[in-house]
Amino acid sequence: MIDPMKTRLPSEDLAARVPPGQVLTDKFPVLTYGPTPQFDPRTWDFRVTGLVEQPMRWTYEEFHALPRSEMVADFHCVTTWSRLDNRWEGVRISDLMKLVRLRPEAQRRR
């Protein structure tokens, strides 16, 4: 449960950006179960497999070198909190998919 001391109801000027019943927070509440897995960039990889002409794999270093994009967006959690104007940075799936060739039987939905 979110600490009510760290959340607030949206002001009138922000109410249109917040779903009904949500409260605003300035932090990302940590909602987890169990221990946090250890991360080792030497063994991490990202793979694209399935209906592709050739499966692809990137190491952490290779993935980190891919072109990155930035965006600002609101985040609304199902546990009734919202955090506005978050800056996100990373590799867009649309950019990643430009590197992948789908097999003819794969259907793209746009």
PDB file of N, CA and C in Angstrom:
ATOM      1  N   MET A   1       0.842  -1.180   0.000  1.00  0.00           N
ATOM      2  CA  MET A   1       0.000   0.000   0.000  1.00  0.00           C
ATOM      3  C   MET A   1       0.887   1.242   0.000  1.00  0.00           C
ATOM      4  N   ILE A   2       0.454   2.262  -0.678  1.00  0.00           N
ATOM      5  CA  ILE A   2       1.208   3.507  -0.752  1.00  0.00           C
ATOM      6  C   ILE A   2       1.045   4.286   0.535  1.00  0.00           C
ATOM      7  N   ASP A   3       2.119   4.871   0.993  1.00  0.00           N
ATOM      8  CA  ASP A   3       2.087   5.714   2.178  1.00  0.00           C
ATOM      9  C   ASP A   3       1.299   6.981   1.849  1.00  0.00           C
ATOM     10  N   PRO A   4       0.158   7.198   2.496  1.00  0.00           N
ATOM     11  CA  PRO A   4      -0.664   8.376   2.158  1.00  0.00           C
ATOM     12  C   PRO A   4       0.039   9.692   2.447  1.00  0.00           C
ATOM     13  N   MET A   5       1.085   9.669   3.247  1.00  0.00           N
ATOM     14  CA  MET A   5       1.822  10.900   3.538  1.00  0.00           C
ATOM     15  C   MET A   5       2.685  11.315   2.340  1.00  0.00           C
ATOM     16  N   LYS A   6       2.932  10.398   1.407  1.00  0.00           N
ATOM     17  CA  LYS A   6       3.782  10.699   0.269  1.00  0.00           C
ATOM     18  C   LYS A   6       2.987  10.854  -1.024  1.00  0.00           C
ATOM     19  N   THR A   7       1.687  10.865  -0.934  1.00  0.00           N
ATOM     20  CA  THR A   7       0.844  11.044  -2.113  1.00  0.00           C
ATOM     21  C   THR A   7      -0.078  12.229  -1.884  1.00  0.00           C
ATOM     22  N   ARG A   8      -0.664  12.694  -2.958  1.00  0.00           N
ATOM     23  CA  ARG A   8      -1.591  13.820  -2.855  1.00  0.00           C
ATOM     24  C   ARG A   8      -2.613  13.714  -3.971  1.00  0.00           C
ATOM     25  N   LEU A   9      -3.750  14.302  -3.754  1.00  0.00           N
ATOM     26  CA  LEU A   9      -4.764  14.358  -4.803  1.00  0.00           C
ATOM     27  C   LEU A   9      -4.314  15.364  -5.847  1.00  0.00           C
ATOM     28  N   PRO A  10      -4.646  15.132  -7.110  1.00  0.00           N
ATOM     29  CA  PRO A  10      -4.228  16.076  -8.147  1.00  0.00           C
ATOM     30  C   PRO A  10      -4.938  17.412  -8.009  1.00  0.00           C
ATOM     31  N   SER A  11      -4.222  18.477  -8.303  1.00  0.00           N
ATOM     32  CA  SER A  11      -4.826  19.804  -8.308  1.00  0.00           C
ATOM     33  C   SER A  11      -5.764  19.911  -9.500  1.00  0.00           C
ATOM     34  N   GLU A  12      -6.567  20.944  -9.522  1.00  0.00           N
ATOM     35  CA  GLU A  12      -7.539  21.121 -10.598  1.00  0.00           C
ATOM     36  C   GLU A  12      -6.872  21.150 -11.967  1.00  0.00           C
ATOM     37  N   ASP A  13      -5.713  21.796 -12.070  1.00  0.00           N
ATOM     38  CA  ASP A  13      -5.044  21.902 -13.369  1.00  0.00           C
ATOM     39  C   ASP A  13      -4.431  20.572 -13.821  1.00  0.00           C
ATOM     40  N   LEU A  14      -4.202  19.618 -12.924  1.00  0.00           N
ATOM     41  CA  LEU A  14      -3.648  18.317 -13.289  1.00  0.00           C
ATOM     42  C   LEU A  14      -4.686  17.205 -13.350  1.00  0.00           C
ATOM     43  N   ALA A  15      -5.877  17.467 -12.888  1.00  0.00           N
ATOM     44  CA  ALA A  15      -6.902  16.426 -12.786  1.00  0.00           C
ATOM     45  C   ALA A  15      -7.199  15.743 -14.121  1.00  0.00           C
ATOM     46  N   ALA A  16      -7.107  16.464 -15.226  1.00  0.00           N
ATOM     47  CA  ALA A  16      -7.393  15.866 -16.526  1.00  0.00           C
ATOM     48  C   ALA A  16      -6.335  14.844 -16.943  1.00  0.00           C
ATOM     49  N   ARG A  17      -5.158  14.897 -16.320  1.00  0.00           N
ATOM     50  CA  ARG A  17      -4.074  13.969 -16.666  1.00  0.00           C
ATOM     51  C   ARG A  17      -4.040  12.735 -15.759  1.00  0.00           C
ATOM     52  N   VAL A  18      -4.890  12.708 -14.760  1.00  0.00           N
ATOM     53  CA  VAL A  18      -4.853  11.625 -13.771  1.00  0.00           C
ATOM     54  C   VAL A  18      -6.176  10.867 -13.798  1.00  0.00           C
ATOM     55  N   PRO A  19      -6.138   9.546 -13.948  1.00  0.00           N
ATOM     56  CA  PRO A  19      -7.386   8.767 -13.969  1.00  0.00           C
ATOM     57  C   PRO A  19      -8.155   8.911 -12.655  1.00  0.00           C
ATOM     58  N   PRO A  20      -9.467   8.754 -12.694  1.00  0.00           N
ATOM     59  CA  PRO A  20     -10.269   8.847 -11.476  1.00  0.00           C
ATOM     60  C   PRO A  20      -9.780   7.845 -10.419  1.00  0.00           C
ATOM     61  N   GLY A  21      -9.718   8.302  -9.182  1.00  0.00           N
ATOM     62  CA  GLY A  21      -9.311   7.439  -8.081  1.00  0.00           C
ATOM     63  C   GLY A  21      -7.815   7.348  -7.859  1.00  0.00           C
ATOM     64  N   GLN A  22      -7.023   7.960  -8.733  1.00  0.00           N
ATOM     65  CA  GLN A  22      -5.567   7.916  -8.590  1.00  0.00           C
ATOM     66  C   GLN A  22      -5.089   9.068  -7.705  1.00  0.00           C
ATOM     67  N   VAL A  23      -3.959   8.855  -7.044  1.00  0.00           N
ATOM     68  CA  VAL A  23      -3.282   9.907  -6.294  1.00  0.00           C
ATOM     69  C   VAL A  23      -1.917  10.124  -6.924  1.00  0.00           C
ATOM     70  N   LEU A  24      -1.378  11.317  -6.746  1.00  0.00           N
ATOM     71  CA  LEU A  24      -0.064  11.644  -7.304  1.00  0.00           C
ATOM     72  C   LEU A  24       1.032  11.313  -6.312  1.00  0.00           C
ATOM     73  N   THR A  25       2.175  10.902  -6.851  1.00  0.00           N
ATOM     74  CA  THR A  25       3.357  10.688  -6.029  1.00  0.00           C
ATOM     75  C   THR A  25       4.557  11.263  -6.760  1.00  0.00           C
ATOM     76  N   ASP A  26       5.574  11.653  -6.005  1.00  0.00           N
ATOM     77  CA  ASP A  26       6.806  12.171  -6.602  1.00  0.00           C
ATOM     78  C   ASP A  26       7.867  11.084  -6.737  1.00  0.00           C
ATOM     79  N   LYS A  27       7.615   9.932  -6.118  1.00  0.00           N
ATOM     80  CA  LYS A  27       8.580   8.834  -6.155  1.00  0.00           C
ATOM     81  C   LYS A  27       7.939   7.626  -6.825  1.00  0.00           C
ATOM     82  N   PHE A  28       8.767   6.694  -7.253  1.00  0.00           N
ATOM     83  CA  PHE A  28       8.266   5.415  -7.736  1.00  0.00           C
ATOM     84  C   PHE A  28       8.222   4.469  -6.544  1.00  0.00           C
ATOM     85  N   PRO A  29       7.027   4.119  -6.078  1.00  0.00           N
ATOM     86  CA  PRO A  29       6.962   3.148  -4.980  1.00  0.00           C
ATOM     87  C   PRO A  29       7.562   1.815  -5.424  1.00  0.00           C
ATOM     88  N   VAL A  30       8.289   1.177  -4.536  1.00  0.00           N
ATOM     89  CA  VAL A  30       8.888  -0.119  -4.841  1.00  0.00           C
ATOM     90  C   VAL A  30       7.886  -1.194  -4.444  1.00  0.00           C
ATOM     91  N   LEU A  31       7.351  -1.871  -5.454  1.00  0.00           N
ATOM     92  CA  LEU A  31       6.378  -2.929  -5.230  1.00  0.00           C
ATOM     93  C   LEU A  31       7.005  -4.220  -5.738  1.00  0.00           C
ATOM     94  N   THR A  32       7.518  -5.018  -4.834  1.00  0.00           N
ATOM     95  CA  THR A  32       8.210  -6.233  -5.230  1.00  0.00           C
ATOM     96  C   THR A  32       7.916  -7.337  -4.235  1.00  0.00           C
ATOM     97  N   TYR A  33       8.140  -8.546  -4.683  1.00  0.00           N
ATOM     98  CA  TYR A  33       7.982  -9.695  -3.813  1.00  0.00           C
ATOM     99  C   TYR A  33       9.267 -10.502  -3.900  1.00  0.00           C
ATOM    100  N   GLY A  34       9.880 -10.750  -2.788  1.00  0.00           N
ATOM    101  CA  GLY A  34      11.103 -11.543  -2.770  1.00  0.00           C
ATOM    102  C   GLY A  34      12.334 -10.704  -3.033  1.00  0.00           C
ATOM    103  N   PRO A  35      13.473 -11.368  -3.054  1.00  0.00           N
ATOM    104  CA  PRO A  35      14.731 -10.648  -3.236  1.00  0.00           C
ATOM    105  C   PRO A  35      14.894 -10.137  -4.667  1.00  0.00           C
ATOM    106  N   THR A  36      15.625  -9.059  -4.817  1.00  0.00           N
ATOM    107  CA  THR A  36      15.927  -8.512  -6.131  1.00  0.00           C
ATOM    108  C   THR A  36      17.017  -9.366  -6.771  1.00  0.00           C
ATOM    109  N   PRO A  37      16.778  -9.853  -8.005  1.00  0.00           N
ATOM    110  CA  PRO A  37      17.800 -10.679  -8.658  1.00  0.00           C
ATOM    111  C   PRO A  37      19.087  -9.890  -8.890  1.00  0.00           C
ATOM    112  N   GLN A  38      20.202 -10.570  -8.841  1.00  0.00           N
ATOM    113  CA  GLN A  38      21.490  -9.951  -9.126  1.00  0.00           C
ATOM    114  C   GLN A  38      21.608  -9.719 -10.631  1.00  0.00           C
ATOM    115  N   PHE A  39      22.228  -8.615 -11.008  1.00  0.00           N
ATOM    116  CA  PHE A  39      22.430  -8.285 -12.419  1.00  0.00           C
ATOM    117  C   PHE A  39      23.910  -8.371 -12.739  1.00  0.00           C
ATOM    118  N   ASP A  40      24.233  -9.125 -13.780  1.00  0.00           N
ATOM    119  CA  ASP A  40      25.608  -9.238 -14.232  1.00  0.00           C
ATOM    120  C   ASP A  40      25.648  -8.899 -15.720  1.00  0.00           C
ATOM    121  N   PRO A  41      26.152  -7.729 -16.088  1.00  0.00           N
ATOM    122  CA  PRO A  41      26.161  -7.337 -17.502  1.00  0.00           C
ATOM    123  C   PRO A  41      26.997  -8.277 -18.371  1.00  0.00           C
ATOM    124  N   ARG A  42      27.910  -9.043 -17.792  1.00  0.00           N
ATOM    125  CA  ARG A  42      28.729  -9.981 -18.578  1.00  0.00           C
ATOM    126  C   ARG A  42      27.919 -11.175 -19.074  1.00  0.00           C
ATOM    127  N   THR A  43      26.816 -11.511 -18.372  1.00  0.00           N
ATOM    128  CA  THR A  43      26.015 -12.669 -18.779  1.00  0.00           C
ATOM    129  C   THR A  43      24.644 -12.281 -19.333  1.00  0.00           C
ATOM    130  N   TRP A  44      24.279 -10.999 -19.253  1.00  0.00           N
ATOM    131  CA  TRP A  44      22.984 -10.526 -19.744  1.00  0.00           C
ATOM    132  C   TRP A  44      22.983 -10.533 -21.267  1.00  0.00           C
ATOM    133  N   ASP A  45      21.854 -10.897 -21.865  1.00  0.00           N
ATOM    134  CA  ASP A  45      21.698 -10.737 -23.302  1.00  0.00           C
ATOM    135  C   ASP A  45      20.226 -10.494 -23.623  1.00  0.00           C
ATOM    136  N   PHE A  46      20.006 -10.001 -24.835  1.00  0.00           N
ATOM    137  CA  PHE A  46      18.660  -9.743 -25.327  1.00  0.00           C
ATOM    138  C   PHE A  46      18.533 -10.488 -26.649  1.00  0.00           C
ATOM    139  N   ARG A  47      17.488 -11.287 -26.770  1.00  0.00           N
ATOM    140  CA  ARG A  47      17.323 -12.115 -27.962  1.00  0.00           C
ATOM    141  C   ARG A  47      15.984 -11.861 -28.631  1.00  0.00           C
ATOM    142  N   VAL A  48      15.986 -11.929 -29.958  1.00  0.00           N
ATOM    143  CA  VAL A  48      14.766 -11.888 -30.758  1.00  0.00           C
ATOM    144  C   VAL A  48      14.729 -13.209 -31.521  1.00  0.00           C
ATOM    145  N   THR A  49      13.700 -14.012 -31.238  1.00  0.00           N
ATOM    146  CA  THR A  49      13.561 -15.317 -31.871  1.00  0.00           C
ATOM    147  C   THR A  49      12.127 -15.490 -32.329  1.00  0.00           C
ATOM    148  N   GLY A  50      11.823 -16.611 -32.917  1.00  0.00           N
ATOM    149  CA  GLY A  50      10.452 -16.887 -33.348  1.00  0.00           C
ATOM    150  C   GLY A  50      10.326 -16.766 -34.844  1.00  0.00           C
ATOM    151  N   LEU A  51       9.298 -16.070 -35.300  1.00  0.00           N
ATOM    152  CA  LEU A  51       9.034 -15.957 -36.737  1.00  0.00           C
ATOM    153  C   LEU A  51       9.904 -14.876 -37.380  1.00  0.00           C
ATOM    154  N   VAL A  52      11.219 -15.065 -37.245  1.00  0.00           N
ATOM    155  CA  VAL A  52      12.189 -14.153 -37.839  1.00  0.00           C
ATOM    156  C   VAL A  52      13.074 -14.947 -38.788  1.00  0.00           C
ATOM    157  N   GLU A  53      13.595 -14.278 -39.820  1.00  0.00           N
ATOM    158  CA  GLU A  53      14.459 -14.972 -40.771  1.00  0.00           C
ATOM    159  C   GLU A  53      15.738 -15.460 -40.099  1.00  0.00           C
ATOM    160  N   GLN A  54      16.247 -14.663 -39.190  1.00  0.00           N
ATOM    161  CA  GLN A  54      17.464 -15.051 -38.474  1.00  0.00           C
ATOM    162  C   GLN A  54      17.347 -14.556 -37.024  1.00  0.00           C
ATOM    163  N   PRO A  55      17.405 -15.482 -36.047  1.00  0.00           N
ATOM    164  CA  PRO A  55      17.382 -15.028 -34.650  1.00  0.00           C
ATOM    165  C   PRO A  55      18.529 -14.052 -34.397  1.00  0.00           C
ATOM    166  N   MET A  56      18.276 -13.104 -33.529  1.00  0.00           N
ATOM    167  CA  MET A  56      19.292 -12.088 -33.227  1.00  0.00           C
ATOM    168  C   MET A  56      19.550 -12.070 -31.735  1.00  0.00           C
ATOM    169  N   ARG A  57      20.772 -11.676 -31.385  1.00  0.00           N
ATOM    170  CA  ARG A  57      21.176 -11.616 -29.978  1.00  0.00           C
ATOM    171  C   ARG A  57      22.129 -10.440 -29.797  1.00  0.00           C
ATOM    172  N   TRP A  58      21.921  -9.696 -28.713  1.00  0.00           N
ATOM    173  CA  TRP A  58      22.803  -8.599 -28.357  1.00  0.00           C
ATOM    174  C   TRP A  58      23.316  -8.838 -26.942  1.00  0.00           C
ATOM    175  N   THR A  59      24.599  -8.627 -26.729  1.00  0.00           N
ATOM    176  CA  THR A  59      25.137  -8.618 -25.375  1.00  0.00           C
ATOM    177  C   THR A  59      24.720  -7.303 -24.726  1.00  0.00           C
ATOM    178  N   TYR A  60      24.952  -7.169 -23.452  1.00  0.00           N
ATOM    179  CA  TYR A  60      24.614  -5.920 -22.766  1.00  0.00           C
ATOM    180  C   TYR A  60      25.354  -4.751 -23.410  1.00  0.00           C
ATOM    181  N   GLU A  61      26.625  -4.931 -23.677  1.00  0.00           N
ATOM    182  CA  GLU A  61      27.432  -3.867 -24.275  1.00  0.00           C
ATOM    183  C   GLU A  61      26.908  -3.496 -25.664  1.00  0.00           C
ATOM    184  N   GLU A  62      26.566  -4.496 -26.471  1.00  0.00           N
ATOM    185  CA  GLU A  62      26.035  -4.235 -27.811  1.00  0.00           C
ATOM    186  C   GLU A  62      24.672  -3.552 -27.744  1.00  0.00           C
ATOM    187  N   PHE A  63      23.820  -4.019 -26.852  1.00  0.00           N
ATOM    188  CA  PHE A  63      22.492  -3.418 -26.708  1.00  0.00           C
ATOM    189  C   PHE A  63      22.611  -1.977 -26.232  1.00  0.00           C
ATOM    190  N   HIS A  64      23.508  -1.741 -25.301  1.00  0.00           N
ATOM    191  CA  HIS A  64      23.704  -0.393 -24.758  1.00  0.00           C
ATOM    192  C   HIS A  64      24.226   0.566 -25.820  1.00  0.00           C
ATOM    193  N   ALA A  65      24.872   0.034 -26.871  1.00  0.00           N
ATOM    194  CA  ALA A  65      25.416   0.868 -27.942  1.00  0.00           C
ATOM    195  C   ALA A  65      24.385   1.197 -29.025  1.00  0.00           C
ATOM    196  N   LEU A  66      23.202   0.560 -28.986  1.00  0.00           N
ATOM    197  CA  LEU A  66      22.163   0.852 -29.973  1.00  0.00           C
ATOM    198  C   LEU A  66      21.650   2.280 -29.803  1.00  0.00           C
ATOM    199  N   PRO A  67      21.118   2.874 -30.882  1.00  0.00           N
ATOM    200  CA  PRO A  67      20.579   4.240 -30.775  1.00  0.00           C
ATOM    201  C   PRO A  67      19.485   4.316 -29.704  1.00  0.00           C
ATOM    202  N   ARG A  68      19.555   5.358 -28.904  1.00  0.00           N
ATOM    203  CA  ARG A  68      18.614   5.541 -27.808  1.00  0.00           C
ATOM    204  C   ARG A  68      17.689   6.715 -28.109  1.00  0.00           C
ATOM    205  N   SER A  69      16.520   6.652 -27.537  1.00  0.00           N
ATOM    206  CA  SER A  69      15.534   7.722 -27.678  1.00  0.00           C
ATOM    207  C   SER A  69      15.117   8.195 -26.293  1.00  0.00           C
ATOM    208  N   GLU A  70      14.617   9.401 -26.228  1.00  0.00           N
ATOM    209  CA  GLU A  70      14.094   9.946 -24.976  1.00  0.00           C
ATOM    210  C   GLU A  70      12.650  10.364 -25.194  1.00  0.00           C
ATOM    211  N   MET A  71      11.865  10.241 -24.129  1.00  0.00           N
ATOM    212  CA  MET A  71      10.495  10.729 -24.163  1.00  0.00           C
ATOM    213  C   MET A  71      10.070  11.090 -22.744  1.00  0.00           C
ATOM    214  N   VAL A  72       9.060  11.914 -22.649  1.00  0.00           N
ATOM    215  CA  VAL A  72       8.476  12.271 -21.363  1.00  0.00           C
ATOM    216  C   VAL A  72       7.026  11.814 -21.395  1.00  0.00           C
ATOM    217  N   ALA A  73       6.621  11.072 -20.355  1.00  0.00           N
ATOM    218  CA  ALA A  73       5.259  10.544 -20.317  1.00  0.00           C
ATOM    219  C   ALA A  73       4.810  10.359 -18.875  1.00  0.00           C
ATOM    220  N   ASP A  74       3.502  10.296 -18.691  1.00  0.00           N
ATOM    221  CA  ASP A  74       2.938  10.037 -17.366  1.00  0.00           C
ATOM    222  C   ASP A  74       2.886   8.527 -17.137  1.00  0.00           C
ATOM    223  N   PHE A  75       2.946   8.132 -15.879  1.00  0.00           N
ATOM    224  CA  PHE A  75       2.889   6.717 -15.507  1.00  0.00           C
ATOM    225  C   PHE A  75       1.742   6.543 -14.530  1.00  0.00           C
ATOM    226  N   HIS A  76       0.795   5.672 -14.875  1.00  0.00           N
ATOM    227  CA  HIS A  76      -0.361   5.404 -14.028  1.00  0.00           C
ATOM    228  C   HIS A  76      -0.325   3.932 -13.629  1.00  0.00           C
ATOM    229  N   CYS A  77      -0.215   3.650 -12.354  1.00  0.00           N
ATOM    230  CA  CYS A  77      -0.103   2.285 -11.857  1.00  0.00           C
ATOM    231  C   CYS A  77      -1.484   1.761 -11.455  1.00  0.00           C
ATOM    232  N   VAL A  78      -1.687   0.459 -11.637  1.00  0.00           N
ATOM    233  CA  VAL A  78      -2.961  -0.152 -11.255  1.00  0.00           C
ATOM    234  C   VAL A  78      -3.178  -0.128  -9.746  1.00  0.00           C
ATOM    235  N   THR A  79      -2.126   0.165  -8.976  1.00  0.00           N
ATOM    236  CA  THR A  79      -2.278   0.217  -7.522  1.00  0.00           C
ATOM    237  C   THR A  79      -2.697   1.611  -7.051  1.00  0.00           C
ATOM    238  N   THR A  80      -3.229   2.423  -7.948  1.00  0.00           N
ATOM    239  CA  THR A  80      -3.871   3.728  -7.711  1.00  0.00           C
ATOM    240  C   THR A  80      -2.931   4.912  -7.541  1.00  0.00           C
ATOM    241  N   TRP A  81      -1.698   4.828  -7.986  1.00  0.00           N
ATOM    242  CA  TRP A  81      -0.852   6.015  -7.949  1.00  0.00           C
ATOM    243  C   TRP A  81      -0.431   6.412  -9.360  1.00  0.00           C
ATOM    244  N   SER A  82      -0.153   7.692  -9.514  1.00  0.00           N
ATOM    245  CA  SER A  82       0.315   8.252 -10.783  1.00  0.00           C
ATOM    246  C   SER A  82       1.545   9.100 -10.520  1.00  0.00           C
ATOM    247  N   ARG A  83       2.452   9.096 -11.470  1.00  0.00           N
ATOM    248  CA  ARG A  83       3.636   9.962 -11.422  1.00  0.00           C
ATOM    249  C   ARG A  83       3.708  10.637 -12.789  1.00  0.00           C
ATOM    250  N   LEU A  84       3.725  11.961 -12.795  1.00  0.00           N
ATOM    251  CA  LEU A  84       3.636  12.725 -14.038  1.00  0.00           C
ATOM    252  C   LEU A  84       5.014  13.167 -14.528  1.00  0.00           C
ATOM    253  N   ASP A  85       5.099  13.386 -15.838  1.00  0.00           N
ATOM    254  CA  ASP A  85       6.275  13.960 -16.492  1.00  0.00           C
ATOM    255  C   ASP A  85       7.562  13.164 -16.227  1.00  0.00           C
ATOM    256  N   ASN A  86       7.497  11.857 -16.419  1.00  0.00           N
ATOM    257  CA  ASN A  86       8.672  11.007 -16.251  1.00  0.00           C
ATOM    258  C   ASN A  86       9.512  11.043 -17.512  1.00  0.00           C
ATOM    259  N   ARG A  87      10.808  11.169 -17.355  1.00  0.00           N
ATOM    260  CA  ARG A  87      11.730  11.139 -18.487  1.00  0.00           C
ATOM    261  C   ARG A  87      12.201   9.694 -18.652  1.00  0.00           C
ATOM    262  N   TRP A  88      11.940   9.125 -19.815  1.00  0.00           N
ATOM    263  CA  TRP A  88      12.319   7.755 -20.125  1.00  0.00           C
ATOM    264  C   TRP A  88      13.382   7.780 -21.216  1.00  0.00           C
ATOM    265  N   GLU A  89      14.341   6.886 -21.112  1.00  0.00           N
ATOM    266  CA  GLU A  89      15.386   6.788 -22.123  1.00  0.00           C
ATOM    267  C   GLU A  89      15.673   5.321 -22.392  1.00  0.00           C
ATOM    268  N   GLY A  90      15.864   4.978 -23.654  1.00  0.00           N
ATOM    269  CA  GLY A  90      16.202   3.605 -23.985  1.00  0.00           C
ATOM    270  C   GLY A  90      16.032   3.323 -25.455  1.00  0.00           C
ATOM    271  N   VAL A  91      16.066   2.053 -25.794  1.00  0.00           N
ATOM    272  CA  VAL A  91      15.929   1.612 -27.177  1.00  0.00           C
ATOM    273  C   VAL A  91      14.450   1.348 -27.442  1.00  0.00           C
ATOM    274  N   ARG A  92      13.888   2.032 -28.417  1.00  0.00           N
ATOM    275  CA  ARG A  92      12.484   1.823 -28.766  1.00  0.00           C
ATOM    276  C   ARG A  92      12.343   0.492 -29.496  1.00  0.00           C
ATOM    277  N   ILE A  93      11.280  -0.227 -29.191  1.00  0.00           N
ATOM    278  CA  ILE A  93      11.042  -1.502 -29.861  1.00  0.00           C
ATOM    279  C   ILE A  93      10.889  -1.290 -31.369  1.00  0.00           C
ATOM    280  N   SER A  94      10.305  -0.161 -31.768  1.00  0.00           N
ATOM    281  CA  SER A  94      10.148   0.105 -33.210  1.00  0.00           C
ATOM    282  C   SER A  94      11.508   0.246 -33.891  1.00  0.00           C
ATOM    283  N   ASP A  95      12.489   0.825 -33.208  1.00  0.00           N
ATOM    284  CA  ASP A  95      13.840   0.928 -33.772  1.00  0.00           C
ATOM    285  C   ASP A  95      14.527  -0.437 -33.781  1.00  0.00           C
ATOM    286  N   LEU A  96      14.323  -1.213 -32.748  1.00  0.00           N
ATOM    287  CA  LEU A  96      14.907  -2.544 -32.678  1.00  0.00           C
ATOM    288  C   LEU A  96      14.354  -3.434 -33.797  1.00  0.00           C
ATOM    289  N   MET A  97      13.049  -3.327 -34.053  1.00  0.00           N
ATOM    290  CA  MET A  97      12.431  -4.166 -35.073  1.00  0.00           C
ATOM    291  C   MET A  97      12.879  -3.805 -36.485  1.00  0.00           C
ATOM    292  N   LYS A  98      13.458  -2.632 -36.676  1.00  0.00           N
ATOM    293  CA  LYS A  98      14.017  -2.276 -37.983  1.00  0.00           C
ATOM    294  C   LYS A  98      15.250  -3.133 -38.295  1.00  0.00           C
ATOM    295  N   LEU A  99      15.838  -3.727 -37.273  1.00  0.00           N
ATOM    296  CA  LEU A  99      17.019  -4.574 -37.447  1.00  0.00           C
ATOM    297  C   LEU A  99      16.654  -6.038 -37.663  1.00  0.00           C
ATOM    298  N   VAL A 100      15.375  -6.363 -37.502  1.00  0.00           N
ATOM    299  CA  VAL A 100      14.902  -7.748 -37.552  1.00  0.00           C
ATOM    300  C   VAL A 100      14.093  -7.957 -38.829  1.00  0.00           C
ATOM    301  N   ARG A 101      14.349  -9.062 -39.512  1.00  0.00           N
ATOM    302  CA  ARG A 101      13.555  -9.408 -40.701  1.00  0.00           C
ATOM    303  C   ARG A 101      12.594 -10.521 -40.323  1.00  0.00           C
ATOM    304  N   LEU A 102      11.302 -10.235 -40.452  1.00  0.00           N
ATOM    305  CA  LEU A 102      10.278 -11.224 -40.133  1.00  0.00           C
ATOM    306  C   LEU A 102      10.117 -12.214 -41.275  1.00  0.00           C
ATOM    307  N   ARG A 103       9.781 -13.441 -40.925  1.00  0.00           N
ATOM    308  CA  ARG A 103       9.467 -14.435 -41.949  1.00  0.00           C
ATOM    309  C   ARG A 103       8.125 -14.074 -42.576  1.00  0.00           C
ATOM    310  N   PRO A 104       7.873 -14.519 -43.837  1.00  0.00           N
ATOM    311  CA  PRO A 104       6.629 -14.146 -44.523  1.00  0.00           C
ATOM    312  C   PRO A 104       5.364 -14.509 -43.756  1.00  0.00           C
ATOM    313  N   GLU A 105       5.382 -15.602 -42.993  1.00  0.00           N
ATOM    314  CA  GLU A 105       4.160 -15.996 -42.283  1.00  0.00           C
ATOM    315  C   GLU A 105       3.887 -15.153 -41.034  1.00  0.00           C
ATOM    316  N   ALA A 106       4.835 -14.316 -40.660  1.00  0.00           N
ATOM    317  CA  ALA A 106       4.606 -13.408 -39.525  1.00  0.00           C
ATOM    318  C   ALA A 106       3.755 -12.232 -40.008  1.00  0.00           C
ATOM    319  N   GLN A 107       2.797 -11.838 -39.213  1.00  0.00           N
ATOM    320  CA  GLN A 107       1.930 -10.721 -39.583  1.00  0.00           C
ATOM    321  C   GLN A 107       2.269  -9.523 -38.729  1.00  0.00           C
ATOM    322  N   ARG A 108       2.480  -8.404 -39.377  1.00  0.00           N
ATOM    323  CA  ARG A 108       2.707  -7.149 -38.655  1.00  0.00           C
ATOM    324  C   ARG A 108       1.372  -6.458 -38.443  1.00  0.00           C
ATOM    325  N   ARG A 109       1.171  -5.991 -37.253  1.00  0.00           N
ATOM    326  CA  ARG A 109      -0.039  -5.219 -36.947  1.00  0.00           C
ATOM    327  C   ARG A 109       0.368  -3.811 -36.625  1.00  0.00           C
ATOM    328  N   ARG A 110      -0.236  -2.882 -37.294  1.00  0.00           N
ATOM    329  CA  ARG A 110       0.119  -1.474 -37.058  1.00  0.00           C
ATOM    330  C   ARG A 110      -1.087  -0.705 -36.661  1.00  0.00           C
TER     331      ARG A 110
END
